[in-house]
C-alpha atoms as a PDB file:
ATOM      1  CA  MET A   1      -8.893   9.879 -17.257  1.00  0.00           C
ATOM      2  CA  TRP A   2      -9.474   7.821 -20.472  1.00  0.00           C
ATOM      3  CA  LEU A   3      -6.106   7.622 -20.317  1.00  0.00           C
ATOM      4  CA  HIS A   4      -5.522   6.061 -16.865  1.00  0.00           C
ATOM      5  CA  SER A   5      -9.458   3.771 -18.330  1.00  0.00           C
ATOM      6  CA  ASP A   6      -7.545   2.076 -20.872  1.00  0.00           C
ATOM      7  CA  HIS A   7      -3.655   1.581 -19.219  1.00  0.00           C
ATOM      8  CA  VAL A   8      -5.523  -0.270 -16.787  1.00  0.00           C
ATOM      9  CA  THR A   9      -8.184  -2.396 -20.038  1.00  0.00           C
ATOM     10  CA  ALA A  10      -4.773  -2.904 -21.137  1.00  0.00           C
ATOM     11  CA  HIS A  11      -3.113  -4.284 -18.529  1.00  0.00           C
ATOM     12  CA  ILE A  12      -5.906  -6.001 -17.332  1.00  0.00           C
ATOM     13  CA  THR A  13      -5.850  -8.094 -20.955  1.00  0.00           C
ATOM     14  CA  ALA A  14      -2.428  -8.747 -20.517  1.00  0.00           C
ATOM     15  CA  GLN A  15      -3.557 -10.361 -17.112  1.00  0.00           C
ATOM     16  CA  VAL A  16      -6.094 -12.435 -18.595  1.00  0.00           C
ATOM     17  CA  LEU A  17      -3.879 -13.512 -21.591  1.00  0.00           C
ATOM     18  CA  GLN A  18      -1.171 -15.047 -19.451  1.00  0.00           C
ATOM     19  CA  MET A  19      -3.034 -16.878 -16.994  1.00  0.00           C
ATOM     20  CA  LEU A  20      -5.129 -18.890 -20.077  1.00  0.00           C
ATOM     21  CA  VAL A  21      -1.838 -19.572 -21.117  1.00  0.00           C
ATOM     22  CA  LEU A  22      -0.345 -20.787 -18.135  1.00  0.00           C
ATOM     23  CA  VAL A  23      -4.352 -22.638 -17.652  1.00  0.00           C
ATOM     24  CA  TYR A  24      -3.312 -23.560 -21.466  1.00  0.00           C
ATOM     25  CA  PHE A  25       0.241 -25.595 -20.915  1.00  0.00           C
ATOM     26  CA  SER A  26      -0.592 -26.466 -16.643  1.00  0.00           C
ATOM     27  CA  PRO A  27      -0.467 -30.298 -15.826  1.00  0.00           C
ATOM     28  CA  GLU A  28      -3.462 -29.505 -13.813  1.00  0.00           C
ATOM     29  CA  THR A  29      -6.095 -29.094 -16.573  1.00  0.00           C
ATOM     30  CA  CYS A  30      -4.888 -32.129 -18.593  1.00  0.00           C
ATOM     31  CA  ASP A  31      -7.588 -34.180 -17.884  1.00  0.00           C
ATOM     32  CA  ASN A  32     -10.310 -30.740 -18.135  1.00  0.00           C
ATOM     33  CA  GLN A  33     -10.758 -31.615 -22.259  1.00  0.00           C
ATOM     34  CA  LYS A  34     -12.808 -29.304 -23.445  1.00  0.00           C
ATOM     35  CA  LEU A  35     -11.483 -25.819 -21.989  1.00  0.00           C
ATOM     36  CA  ARG A  36      -7.387 -27.368 -23.118  1.00  0.00           C
ATOM     37  CA  GLN A  37     -10.026 -27.931 -26.549  1.00  0.00           C
ATOM     38  CA  CYS A  38     -11.395 -24.758 -26.101  1.00  0.00           C
ATOM     39  CA  LEU A  39      -8.167 -22.529 -25.745  1.00  0.00           C
ATOM     40  CA  SER A  40      -6.827 -24.673 -28.669  1.00  0.00           C
ATOM     41  CA  TYR A  41      -8.905 -23.141 -31.447  1.00  0.00           C
ATOM     42  CA  PHE A  42      -8.992 -19.747 -29.025  1.00  0.00           C
ATOM     43  CA  LEU A  43      -4.670 -18.646 -28.504  1.00  0.00           C
ATOM     44  CA  PRO A  44      -3.467 -18.891 -31.794  1.00  0.00           C
ATOM     45  CA  VAL A  45      -6.667 -17.043 -33.333  1.00  0.00           C
ATOM     46  CA  TYR A  46      -6.521 -14.221 -30.847  1.00  0.00           C
ATOM     47  CA  CYS A  47      -3.047 -14.014 -31.783  1.00  0.00           C
ATOM     48  CA  TYR A  48      -3.274 -14.876 -36.062  1.00  0.00           C
ATOM     49  CA  CYS A  49      -6.444 -11.820 -36.200  1.00  0.00           C
ATOM     50  CA  SER A  50      -3.879  -9.095 -34.966  1.00  0.00           C
ATOM     51  CA  SER A  51      -0.702  -7.448 -34.358  1.00  0.00           C
ATOM     52  CA  VAL A  52      -1.844  -5.754 -31.624  1.00  0.00           C
ATOM     53  CA  ASN A  53      -2.781  -9.641 -30.498  1.00  0.00           C
ATOM     54  CA  GLN A  54       0.568 -10.987 -31.055  1.00  0.00           C
ATOM     55  CA  ARG A  55       2.205  -8.329 -28.817  1.00  0.00           C
ATOM     56  CA  ARG A  56       0.644  -8.678 -26.880  1.00  0.00           C
ATOM     57  CA  MET A  57       1.551 -12.405 -26.914  1.00  0.00           C
ATOM     58  CA  GLN A  58       5.159 -11.266 -26.521  1.00  0.00           C
ATOM     59  CA  SER A  59       5.157  -9.280 -24.317  1.00  0.00           C
ATOM     60  CA  MET A  60       4.138 -11.958 -21.212  1.00  0.00           C
ATOM     61  CA  MET A  61       5.962 -15.095 -23.902  1.00  0.00           C
ATOM     62  CA  LEU A  62       9.653 -15.246 -21.459  1.00  0.00           C
ATOM     63  CA  PRO A  63       8.513 -14.510 -18.220  1.00  0.00           C
ATOM     64  CA  ALA A  64       5.486 -17.234 -18.512  1.00  0.00           C
ATOM     65  CA  LEU A  65       7.718 -19.453 -20.014  1.00  0.00           C
ATOM     66  CA  ASP A  66       9.613 -19.161 -17.178  1.00  0.00           C
ATOM     67  CA  VAL A  67       7.197 -19.841 -14.593  1.00  0.00           C
ATOM     68  CA  LEU A  68       6.554 -23.051 -16.867  1.00  0.00           C
ATOM     69  CA  SER A  69       9.596 -24.178 -16.832  1.00  0.00           C
ATOM     70  CA  GLY A  70       9.724 -23.729 -12.714  1.00  0.00           C
ATOM     71  CA  VAL A  71       6.019 -25.750 -12.857  1.00  0.00           C
ATOM     72  CA  TYR A  72       8.368 -28.722 -15.606  1.00  0.00           C
ATOM     73  CA  ASP A  73      10.734 -29.398 -13.005  1.00  0.00           C
ATOM     74  CA  ASP A  74       8.187 -29.829 -10.418  1.00  0.00           C
ATOM     75  CA  GLN A  75       6.993 -32.689 -12.306  1.00  0.00           C
ATOM     76  CA  GLU A  76       7.745 -35.852 -11.101  1.00  0.00           C
ATOM     77  CA  ASP A  77       5.366 -37.219 -14.278  1.00  0.00           C
ATOM     78  CA  LYS A  78       6.669 -34.813 -17.066  1.00  0.00           C
ATOM     79  CA  SER A  79       4.277 -36.451 -19.575  1.00  0.00           C
ATOM     80  CA  GLU A  80       1.413 -34.773 -18.134  1.00  0.00           C
ATOM     81  CA  MET A  81       3.376 -31.547 -19.347  1.00  0.00           C
ATOM     82  CA  LEU A  82       5.222 -30.267 -22.695  1.00  0.00           C
ATOM     83  CA  SER A  83       8.614 -29.295 -21.913  1.00  0.00           C
ATOM     84  CA  PRO A  84       9.696 -25.957 -21.783  1.00  0.00           C
ATOM     85  CA  SER A  85      11.514 -25.676 -24.943  1.00  0.00           C
ATOM     86  CA  GLN A  86       8.058 -27.502 -27.121  1.00  0.00           C
ATOM     87  CA  ILE A  87       6.228 -24.417 -25.086  1.00  0.00           C
ATOM     88  CA  ALA A  88       8.719 -21.777 -26.293  1.00  0.00           C
ATOM     89  CA  LEU A  89       8.473 -22.971 -29.976  1.00  0.00           C
ATOM     90  CA  GLN A  90       4.462 -23.315 -29.421  1.00  0.00           C
ATOM     91  CA  LEU A  91       5.249 -19.300 -28.455  1.00  0.00           C
ATOM     92  CA  VAL A  92       7.325 -17.914 -30.852  1.00  0.00           C
ATOM     93  CA  ASP A  93       5.400 -19.357 -33.951  1.00  0.00           C
ATOM     94  CA  TRP A  94       1.734 -17.439 -32.029  1.00  0.00           C
ATOM     95  CA  THR A  95       3.550 -14.344 -32.436  1.00  0.00           C
ATOM     96  CA  ASP A  96       5.232 -15.025 -35.987  1.00  0.00           C
ATOM     97  CA  PRO A  97       3.927 -11.880 -38.044  1.00  0.00           C
ATOM     98  CA  SER A  98       3.783 -13.450 -40.892  1.00  0.00           C
ATOM     99  CA  LYS A  99       1.201 -15.455 -39.666  1.00  0.00           C
ATOM    100  CA  VAL A 100      -1.590 -12.322 -39.178  1.00  0.00           C
ATOM    101  CA  VAL A 101      -4.306 -12.104 -41.121  1.00  0.00           C
ATOM    102  CA  VAL A 102      -3.682  -8.271 -43.041  1.00  0.00           C
ATOM    103  CA  LEU A 103      -6.785  -7.169 -43.170  1.00  0.00           C
ATOM    104  CA  PRO A 104      -8.386  -4.223 -44.741  1.00  0.00           C
ATOM    105  CA  GLY A 105      -6.590  -1.049 -43.267  1.00  0.00           C
ATOM    106  CA  CYS A 106      -4.299  -3.103 -41.114  1.00  0.00           C
ATOM    107  CA  LYS A 107      -0.496  -3.716 -40.651  1.00  0.00           C
ATOM    108  CA  VAL A 108       1.851  -5.942 -39.612  1.00  0.00           C
ATOM    109  CA  ASP A 109       3.952  -5.325 -37.426  1.00  0.00           C
ATOM    110  CA  TRP A 110       7.355  -7.077 -38.691  1.00  0.00           C
ATOM    111  CA  GLU A 111       9.036  -6.235 -35.885  1.00  0.00           C
ATOM    112  CA  LEU A 112       7.563  -8.414 -33.353  1.00  0.00           C
ATOM    113  CA  HIS A 113      10.034 -11.325 -33.735  1.00  0.00           C
ATOM    114  CA  LEU A 114      13.375  -8.999 -33.974  1.00  0.00           C
ATOM    115  CA  ASP A 115      11.889  -6.941 -30.236  1.00  0.00           C
ATOM    116  CA  ALA A 116      11.248 -10.637 -28.946  1.00  0.00           C
ATOM    117  CA  ALA A 117      15.548 -11.693 -30.102  1.00  0.00           C
ATOM    118  CA  ILE A 118      16.618  -8.647 -27.852  1.00  0.00           C
ATOM    119  CA  ASP A 119      14.078  -9.772 -25.433  1.00  0.00           C
ATOM    120  CA  ILE A 120      15.893 -13.312 -25.527  1.00  0.00           C
ATOM    121  CA  LEU A 121      19.108 -12.223 -25.420  1.00  0.00           C
ATOM    122  CA  LYS A 122      19.578 -10.017 -22.933  1.00  0.00           C
ATOM    123  CA  ASN A 123      17.417 -13.092 -20.501  1.00  0.00           C
ATOM    124  CA  LEU A 124      20.968 -15.080 -21.552  1.00  0.00           C
ATOM    125  CA  TYR A 125      22.506 -12.585 -19.833  1.00  0.00           C
ATOM    126  CA  ARG A 126      20.655 -12.649 -16.752  1.00  0.00           C
ATOM    127  CA  VAL A 127      19.249 -16.465 -17.269  1.00  0.00           C
ATOM    128  CA  THR A 128      22.462 -19.180 -15.307  1.00  0.00           C
ATOM    129  CA  GLU A 129      20.644 -22.270 -15.701  1.00  0.00           C
ATOM    130  CA  LYS A 130      21.583 -24.421 -18.444  1.00  0.00           C
ATOM    131  CA  ASP A 131      19.145 -26.059 -19.423  1.00  0.00           C
ATOM    132  CA  GLU A 132      17.131 -22.614 -19.698  1.00  0.00           C
ATOM    133  CA  ARG A 133      20.129 -20.882 -21.131  1.00  0.00           C
ATOM    134  CA  LYS A 134      19.691 -23.767 -24.107  1.00  0.00           C
ATOM    135  CA  MET A 135      16.077 -23.182 -24.804  1.00  0.00           C
ATOM    136  CA  LEU A 136      16.793 -19.392 -24.835  1.00  0.00           C
ATOM    137  CA  CYS A 137      19.066 -20.450 -27.712  1.00  0.00           C
ATOM    138  CA  GLN A 138      16.694 -22.918 -29.681  1.00  0.00           C
ATOM    139  CA  MET A 139      14.341 -19.765 -30.239  1.00  0.00           C
ATOM    140  CA  LEU A 140      16.666 -18.177 -31.858  1.00  0.00           C
ATOM    141  CA  PRO A 141      16.679 -19.915 -34.893  1.00  0.00           C
ATOM    142  CA  LYS A 142      13.260 -19.939 -35.038  1.00  0.00           C
ATOM    143  CA  LEU A 143      12.070 -16.307 -35.185  1.00  0.00           C
ATOM    144  CA  THR A 144      10.817 -14.802 -38.291  1.00  0.00           C
ATOM    145  CA  LEU A 145      13.029 -11.813 -38.687  1.00  0.00           C
ATOM    146  CA  PRO A 146      12.162 -10.052 -42.654  1.00  0.00           C
ATOM    147  CA  ASP A 147      14.647  -8.867 -45.002  1.00  0.00           C
ATOM    148  CA  THR A 148      12.238  -5.428 -44.868  1.00  0.00           C
ATOM    149  CA  LEU A 149      13.291  -4.551 -41.701  1.00  0.00           C
ATOM    150  CA  ASP A 150      15.107  -1.218 -41.513  1.00  0.00           C
ATOM    151  CA  ASN A 151      15.051  -0.019 -37.542  1.00  0.00           C
ATOM    152  CA  VAL A 152      18.592   0.212 -37.370  1.00  0.00           C
ATOM    153  CA  LYS A 153      18.282   1.223 -33.959  1.00  0.00           C
ATOM    154  CA  LYS A 154      17.187  -2.219 -33.174  1.00  0.00           C
ATOM    155  CA  LEU A 155      18.965  -3.514 -35.702  1.00  0.00           C
ATOM    156  CA  ARG A 156      22.798  -2.494 -34.503  1.00  0.00           C
ATOM    157  CA  GLY A 157      21.054  -2.824 -30.871  1.00  0.00           C
ATOM    158  CA  LEU A 158      20.825  -6.937 -31.369  1.00  0.00           C
ATOM    159  CA  SER A 159      24.048  -7.109 -33.478  1.00  0.00           C
ATOM    160  CA  LEU A 160      25.867  -5.356 -30.290  1.00  0.00           C
ATOM    161  CA  LEU A 161      24.210  -7.872 -27.599  1.00  0.00           C
ATOM    162  CA  VAL A 162      24.963 -11.327 -30.531  1.00  0.00           C
ATOM    163  CA  SER A 163      28.748  -9.549 -30.861  1.00  0.00           C
ATOM    164  CA  ASN A 164      29.408  -9.323 -26.590  1.00  0.00           C
ATOM    165  CA  LEU A 165      27.497 -12.229 -24.547  1.00  0.00           C
ATOM    166  CA  GLU A 166      30.666 -14.827 -24.989  1.00  0.00           C
ATOM    167  CA  GLU A 167      32.609 -12.135 -23.476  1.00  0.00           C
ATOM    168  CA  LYS A 168      30.385 -11.256 -20.939  1.00  0.00           C
ATOM    169  CA  ARG A 169      28.202 -14.019 -20.493  1.00  0.00           C
ATOM    170  CA  PRO A 170      29.758 -17.531 -22.058  1.00  0.00           C
ATOM    171  CA  LEU A 171      28.027 -20.176 -23.113  1.00  0.00           C
ATOM    172  CA  ASN A 172      29.194 -23.789 -21.605  1.00  0.00           C
ATOM    173  CA  ASP A 173      27.666 -26.174 -23.549  1.00  0.00           C
ATOM    174  CA  SER A 174      29.036 -26.791 -28.002  1.00  0.00           C
ATOM    175  CA  GLN A 175      25.855 -26.711 -29.289  1.00  0.00           C
ATOM    176  CA  SER A 176      24.335 -23.982 -27.586  1.00  0.00           C
ATOM    177  CA  ARG A 177      27.521 -22.007 -28.850  1.00  0.00           C
ATOM    178  CA  ASN A 178      26.749 -23.189 -32.511  1.00  0.00           C
ATOM    179  CA  VAL A 179      23.399 -22.448 -32.642  1.00  0.00           C
ATOM    180  CA  LEU A 180      24.125 -18.886 -31.260  1.00  0.00           C
ATOM    181  CA  LYS A 181      26.671 -18.818 -33.847  1.00  0.00           C
ATOM    182  CA  LYS A 182      24.595 -19.630 -36.841  1.00  0.00           C
ATOM    183  CA  PHE A 183      21.679 -16.942 -35.730  1.00  0.00           C
ATOM    184  CA  GLN A 184      24.299 -14.412 -36.154  1.00  0.00           C
ATOM    185  CA  THR A 185      26.095 -14.940 -38.956  1.00  0.00           C
ATOM    186  CA  SER A 186      22.968 -15.777 -40.566  1.00  0.00           C
ATOM    187  CA  PHE A 187      21.845 -11.692 -39.436  1.00  0.00           C
ATOM    188  CA  GLU A 188      24.689  -9.965 -40.506  1.00  0.00           C
ATOM    189  CA  LYS A 189      24.301 -11.534 -43.491  1.00  0.00           C
ATOM    190  CA  ARG A 190      20.843 -10.944 -43.812  1.00  0.00           C
ATOM    191  CA  PHE A 191      20.702  -7.101 -43.061  1.00  0.00           C
ATOM    192  CA  GLU A 192      23.839  -6.013 -44.301  1.00  0.00           C
ATOM    193  CA  GLU A 193      22.484  -3.481 -45.779  1.00  0.00           C
ATOM    194  CA  GLN A 194      20.694  -2.306 -42.792  1.00  0.00           C
ATOM    195  CA  LEU A 195      23.430  -2.933 -40.914  1.00  0.00           C
ATOM    196  CA  GLY A 196      26.860  -1.071 -43.293  1.00  0.00           C
ATOM    197  CA  ASP A 197      29.911  -0.051 -41.806  1.00  0.00           C
ATOM    198  CA  ASP A 198      28.159   0.050 -38.475  1.00  0.00           C
ATOM    199  CA  LEU A 199      29.051  -3.612 -38.304  1.00  0.00           C
ATOM    200  CA  GLU A 200      32.266  -2.625 -36.456  1.00  0.00           C
ATOM    201  CA  LYS A 201      31.057   0.254 -35.229  1.00  0.00           C
ATOM    202  CA  THR A 202      28.736  -2.065 -33.213  1.00  0.00           C
ATOM    203  CA  GLU A 203      32.111  -3.381 -31.369  1.00  0.00           C
ATOM    204  CA  GLN A 204      32.603   0.321 -30.614  1.00  0.00           C
ATOM    205  CA  PRO A 205      29.618   2.050 -29.400  1.00  0.00           C
ATOM    206  CA  GLU A 206      31.317   5.293 -28.049  1.00  0.00           C
ATOM    207  CA  THR A 207      32.550   6.138 -32.033  1.00  0.00           C
ATOM    208  CA  GLU A 208      31.054   9.451 -32.698  1.00  0.00           C
ATOM    209  CA  GLY A 209      27.333   8.922 -34.003  1.00  0.00           C
ATOM    210  CA  SER A 210      26.462   5.713 -32.543  1.00  0.00           C
ATOM    211  CA  THR A 211      26.444   6.257 -28.901  1.00  0.00           C
ATOM    212  CA  GLU A 212      22.956   8.004 -28.822  1.00  0.00           C
ATOM    213  CA  ASP A 213      21.850   5.029 -30.710  1.00  0.00           C
ATOM    214  CA  LEU A 214      22.875   2.008 -28.608  1.00  0.00           C
ATOM    215  CA  LYS A 215      22.857   4.449 -25.728  1.00  0.00           C
ATOM    216  CA  GLU A 216      20.000   1.457 -23.964  1.00  0.00           C
ATOM    217  CA  TYR A 217      21.963  -1.766 -24.667  1.00  0.00           C
ATOM    218  CA  GLN A 218      25.120  -0.086 -23.759  1.00  0.00           C
ATOM    219  CA  ASP A 219      23.833   0.861 -20.454  1.00  0.00           C
ATOM    220  CA  PHE A 220      22.391  -2.494 -20.162  1.00  0.00           C
ATOM    221  CA  LEU A 221      26.271  -4.364 -21.211  1.00  0.00           C
ATOM    222  CA  ASP A 222      27.433  -1.558 -18.120  1.00  0.00           C
ATOM    223  CA  ALA A 223      24.912  -3.149 -15.642  1.00  0.00           C
ATOM    224  CA  VAL A 224      26.121  -5.922 -16.828  1.00  0.00           C
ATOM    225  CA  ASP A 225      30.263  -5.664 -16.206  1.00  0.00           C
ATOM    226  CA  GLN A 226      29.406  -3.254 -12.878  1.00  0.00           C
ATOM    227  CA  ASP A 227      27.494  -6.549 -11.356  1.00  0.00           C
ATOM    228  CA  GLN A 228      30.459  -8.295 -13.203  1.00  0.00           C
ATOM    229  CA  ASP A 229      32.678  -5.966 -10.900  1.00  0.00           C
ATOM    230  CA  ASP A 230      30.741  -6.360  -7.657  1.00  0.00           C
ATOM    231  CA  ASN A 231      31.005 -10.115  -7.571  1.00  0.00           C
ATOM    232  CA  GLY A 232      34.357 -10.808  -8.638  1.00  0.00           C
ATOM    233  CA  SER A 233      35.527 -10.955 -12.251  1.00  0.00           C
ATOM    234  CA  SER A 234      35.272 -14.990 -12.571  1.00  0.00           C
ATOM    235  CA  GLU A 235      31.533 -14.988 -11.894  1.00  0.00           C
ATOM    236  CA  ALA A 236      29.957 -15.916 -15.130  1.00  0.00           C
ATOM    237  CA  ASP A 237      32.221 -18.749 -15.164  1.00  0.00           C
ATOM    238  CA  ASP A 238      30.787 -19.455 -11.775  1.00  0.00           C
ATOM    239  CA  LEU A 239      27.038 -19.119 -12.733  1.00  0.00           C
ATOM    240  CA  ASN A 240      27.240 -21.177 -15.562  1.00  0.00           C
ATOM    241  CA  SER A 241      29.452 -24.254 -14.060  1.00  0.00           C
ATOM    242  CA  ASP A 242      27.199 -24.408 -10.820  1.00  0.00           C
ATOM    243  CA  PRO A 243      23.730 -22.771 -11.577  1.00  0.00           C
ATOM    244  CA  ASP A 244      22.603 -23.095  -8.443  1.00  0.00           C
ATOM    245  CA  ALA A 245      25.273 -20.631  -7.915  1.00  0.00           C
ATOM    246  CA  ALA A 246      22.987 -17.403  -8.671  1.00  0.00           C
ATOM    247  CA  ASN A 247      23.072 -14.712  -6.752  1.00  0.00           C
ATOM    248  CA  ASP A 248      19.303 -13.579  -6.081  1.00  0.00           C
ATOM    249  CA  ASP A 249      19.819  -9.654  -6.514  1.00  0.00           C
ATOM    250  CA  TYR A 250      21.248 -10.384  -9.799  1.00  0.00           C
ATOM    251  CA  SER A 251      18.594  -9.833 -11.799  1.00  0.00           C
ATOM    252  CA  ALA A 252      17.773  -6.813 -10.370  1.00  0.00           C
ATOM    253  CA  LYS A 253      20.701  -4.810 -11.104  1.00  0.00           C
ATOM    254  CA  VAL A 254      20.788  -6.394 -15.054  1.00  0.00           C
ATOM    255  CA  PRO A 255      17.759  -3.549 -16.964  1.00  0.00           C
ATOM    256  CA  LEU A 256      15.184  -5.872 -18.789  1.00  0.00           C
ATOM    257  CA  LYS A 257      12.886  -4.044 -21.141  1.00  0.00           C
ATOM    258  CA  LYS A 258       9.275  -3.386 -18.943  1.00  0.00           C
ATOM    259  CA  THR A 259       7.487  -6.766 -18.788  1.00  0.00           C
ATOM    260  CA  PRO A 260       4.701  -8.351 -15.969  1.00  0.00           C
ATOM    261  CA  SER A 261       6.908  -9.251 -13.070  1.00  0.00           C
ATOM    262  CA  LYS A 262       7.323 -12.617 -12.518  1.00  0.00           C
ATOM    263  CA  LYS A 263       6.205 -12.581  -8.460  1.00  0.00           C
ATOM    264  CA  THR A 264       2.941 -11.238 -10.797  1.00  0.00           C
ATOM    265  CA  ILE A 265       2.602 -14.095 -13.390  1.00  0.00           C
ATOM    266  CA  LYS A 266       3.320 -16.658 -11.190  1.00  0.00           C
ATOM    267  CA  SER A 267       1.001 -14.979  -8.314  1.00  0.00           C
ATOM    268  CA  VAL A 268      -1.771 -15.443 -11.062  1.00  0.00           C
ATOM    269  CA  ALA A 269      -0.651 -19.114 -12.067  1.00  0.00           C
ATOM    270  CA  ARG A 270      -1.016 -20.403  -8.665  1.00  0.00           C
ATOM    271  CA  ILE A 271      -4.148 -18.940  -8.182  1.00  0.00           C
ATOM    272  CA  SER A 272      -5.366 -19.899 -11.394  1.00  0.00           C
ATOM    273  CA  MET A 273      -4.072 -24.058 -10.428  1.00  0.00           C
ATOM    274  CA  ALA A 274      -6.360 -23.999  -6.937  1.00  0.00           C
ATOM    275  CA  SER A 275      -9.446 -22.139  -8.412  1.00  0.00           C
ATOM    276  CA  LEU A 276      -9.112 -25.583 -11.044  1.00  0.00           C
ATOM    277  CA  ARG A 277      -9.001 -27.770  -8.010  1.00  0.00           C
ATOM    278  CA  ASN A 278     -11.801 -25.563  -6.366  1.00  0.00           C
ATOM    279  CA  GLU A 279      -8.833 -25.009  -3.163  1.00  0.00           C
ATOM    280  CA  GLU A 280      -8.333 -21.805  -0.988  1.00  0.00           C
ATOM    281  CA  VAL A 281      -5.466 -20.334  -1.620  1.00  0.00           C
ATOM    282  CA  THR A 282      -3.844 -19.651   2.615  1.00  0.00           C
ATOM    283  CA  ASP A 283      -0.775 -18.345   4.621  1.00  0.00           C
ATOM    284  CA  SER A 284      -1.224 -21.474   6.968  1.00  0.00           C
ATOM    285  CA  GLU A 285       1.725 -22.295   9.270  1.00  0.00           C
ATOM    286  CA  ASP A 286       0.526 -26.047   8.520  1.00  0.00           C
ATOM    287  CA  ASP A 287       1.596 -26.038   4.634  1.00  0.00           C
ATOM    288  CA  GLU A 288       4.801 -26.969   3.397  1.00  0.00           C
ATOM    289  CA  PRO A 289       6.714 -24.468   0.889  1.00  0.00           C
ATOM    290  CA  ALA A 290       6.465 -24.926  -2.623  1.00  0.00           C
ATOM    291  CA  PRO A 291       9.955 -26.384  -4.172  1.00  0.00           C
ATOM    292  CA  ARG A 292      11.990 -23.311  -5.422  1.00  0.00           C
ATOM    293  CA  ARG A 293      13.869 -23.526  -7.674  1.00  0.00           C
ATOM    294  CA  SER A 294      17.315 -21.419  -7.804  1.00  0.00           C
ATOM    295  CA  GLY A 295      17.206 -17.991  -8.558  1.00  0.00           C
ATOM    296  CA  ARG A 296      13.837 -17.476  -9.427  1.00  0.00           C
ATOM    297  CA  PRO A 297      11.287 -15.131  -6.276  1.00  0.00           C
ATOM    298  CA  ARG A 298       8.643 -17.029  -4.589  1.00  0.00           C
ATOM    299  CA  ALA A 299       5.496 -16.428  -5.769  1.00  0.00           C
ATOM    300  CA  SER A 300       3.333 -13.772  -3.576  1.00  0.00           C
ATOM    301  CA  ARG A 301       0.831 -13.619  -1.135  1.00  0.00           C
ATOM    302  CA  GLN A 302      -0.975 -10.805  -1.659  1.00  0.00           C
ATOM    303  CA  PRO A 303      -2.413 -11.015  -5.828  1.00  0.00           C
ATOM    304  CA  ASP A 304      -4.148  -7.766  -7.475  1.00  0.00           C
ATOM    305  CA  PRO A 305      -7.348  -7.363  -6.616  1.00  0.00           C
ATOM    306  CA  LYS A 306      -7.905  -7.025  -9.685  1.00  0.00           C
ATOM    307  CA  VAL A 307      -6.606 -10.079 -11.111  1.00  0.00           C
ATOM    308  CA  LYS A 308      -7.849 -12.103  -8.541  1.00  0.00           C
ATOM    309  CA  ALA A 309     -11.125 -10.724  -9.621  1.00  0.00           C
ATOM    310  CA  VAL A 310     -10.972 -11.735 -12.896  1.00  0.00           C
ATOM    311  CA  ASN A 311      -8.991 -15.892 -12.187  1.00  0.00           C
ATOM    312  CA  GLU A 312     -12.737 -16.246 -10.407  1.00  0.00           C
ATOM    313  CA  GLU A 313     -14.133 -15.355 -12.725  1.00  0.00           C
ATOM    314  CA  LEU A 314     -12.693 -18.202 -14.942  1.00  0.00           C
ATOM    315  CA  ALA A 315     -12.419 -20.098 -12.460  1.00  0.00           C
ATOM    316  CA  SER A 316     -16.611 -19.986 -11.775  1.00  0.00           C
ATOM    317  CA  LEU A 317     -16.884 -21.136 -15.581  1.00  0.00           C
ATOM    318  CA  ILE A 318     -14.500 -23.520 -15.583  1.00  0.00           C
ATOM    319  CA  GLY A 319     -16.612 -24.590 -12.421  1.00  0.00           C
ATOM    320  CA  SER A 320     -20.094 -24.626 -14.524  1.00  0.00           C
ATOM    321  CA  SER A 321     -18.213 -26.806 -17.077  1.00  0.00           C
ATOM    322  CA  THR A 322     -16.963 -29.359 -14.844  1.00  0.00           C
ATOM    323  CA  ASP A 323     -20.921 -29.701 -13.089  1.00  0.00           C
ATOM    324  CA  GLU A 324     -21.845 -29.760 -16.707  1.00  0.00           C
ATOM    325  CA  ASP A 325     -20.063 -32.548 -17.170  1.00  0.00           C
ATOM    326  CA  ASP A 326     -20.636 -34.353 -13.603  1.00  0.00           C
ATOM    327  CA  ASP A 327     -24.730 -33.459 -14.811  1.00  0.00           C
ATOM    328  CA  GLU A 328     -24.724 -35.430 -17.735  1.00  0.00           C
ATOM    329  CA  GLN A 329     -22.765 -38.441 -16.216  1.00  0.00           C
ATOM    330  CA  ALA A 330     -25.096 -39.171 -13.597  1.00  0.00           C
ATOM    331  CA  ASP A 331     -28.003 -38.960 -16.300  1.00  0.00           C
ATOM    332  CA  SER A 332     -26.315 -42.024 -18.440  1.00  0.00           C
ATOM    333  CA  THR A 333     -25.364 -43.983 -14.853  1.00  0.00           C
ATOM    334  CA  GLU A 334     -29.777 -43.468 -13.369  1.00  0.00           C
ATOM    335  CA  LYS A 335     -30.336 -44.515 -17.747  1.00  0.00           C
ATOM    336  CA  GLU A 336     -28.073 -47.155 -17.312  1.00  0.00           C
ATOM    337  CA  ASP A 337     -29.517 -48.112 -14.186  1.00  0.00           C
END
């Protein structure tokens, strides 16, 4: 009973955090300076005060970034919103374990950015759009990977993902290739002692003694190979050269770390933005469908009731702030008269 309650609480906390991040970076709030100022203080303080909080932010970093990239692409006036690359660097900074305030009895989770690097590499196998892959590559050198990391399984897994990317999902622009190569060289040099002779085994995970440790990552790569076999050996090149050729079913075939689904996050973002405009989310046939990015599922029309309740609560708070502003303006106008 208690475990179930804790799980529900953690889920709602993650959903609220996702919503706040989406609202903070959304162009819908560019004129709401009070809200922006509040979130600009809260989000970094929330992350830097605890590794647990940073872990929550890290778990939803890429899904939220994916949603915000779609919003940015649909914007006519790009000046109202930070670019996806700028948002990505901000999220990386908020999850930097070296910036956590160390309190008595608390430990720093130094594997935060190691897990983030693994998630980014897995996303590079799935994502097909050139700009998005370039943005993901640019995040890698900004990650904090201290020399003290001793989780050999994750280190070898990351090395395996990096070394196979060129063959299985090659990058089609020289800048991204150079960034990835520098990251790989720096990573293998920094953790040469931890990896040792395993650098050679990384390319041959079936070697005795390494199969069990790398099974999770090898299964991921096997799924990528299987997808290529099912859709043609030249699909990777076609996807890189033509992002619109992406198969909608591809992402379902590649196993990723369990993070909140895009549909759930897009639903939260949609409800939050509608709340800020005091609009209702309807399924009217007269409504024109929102522009859709290639390979991205549309937002769910039926949001989670618990998430909806949280959104309504936030919307009421935002509405209260807006009402106060209107009252202040009305008072000032009466005094002038």
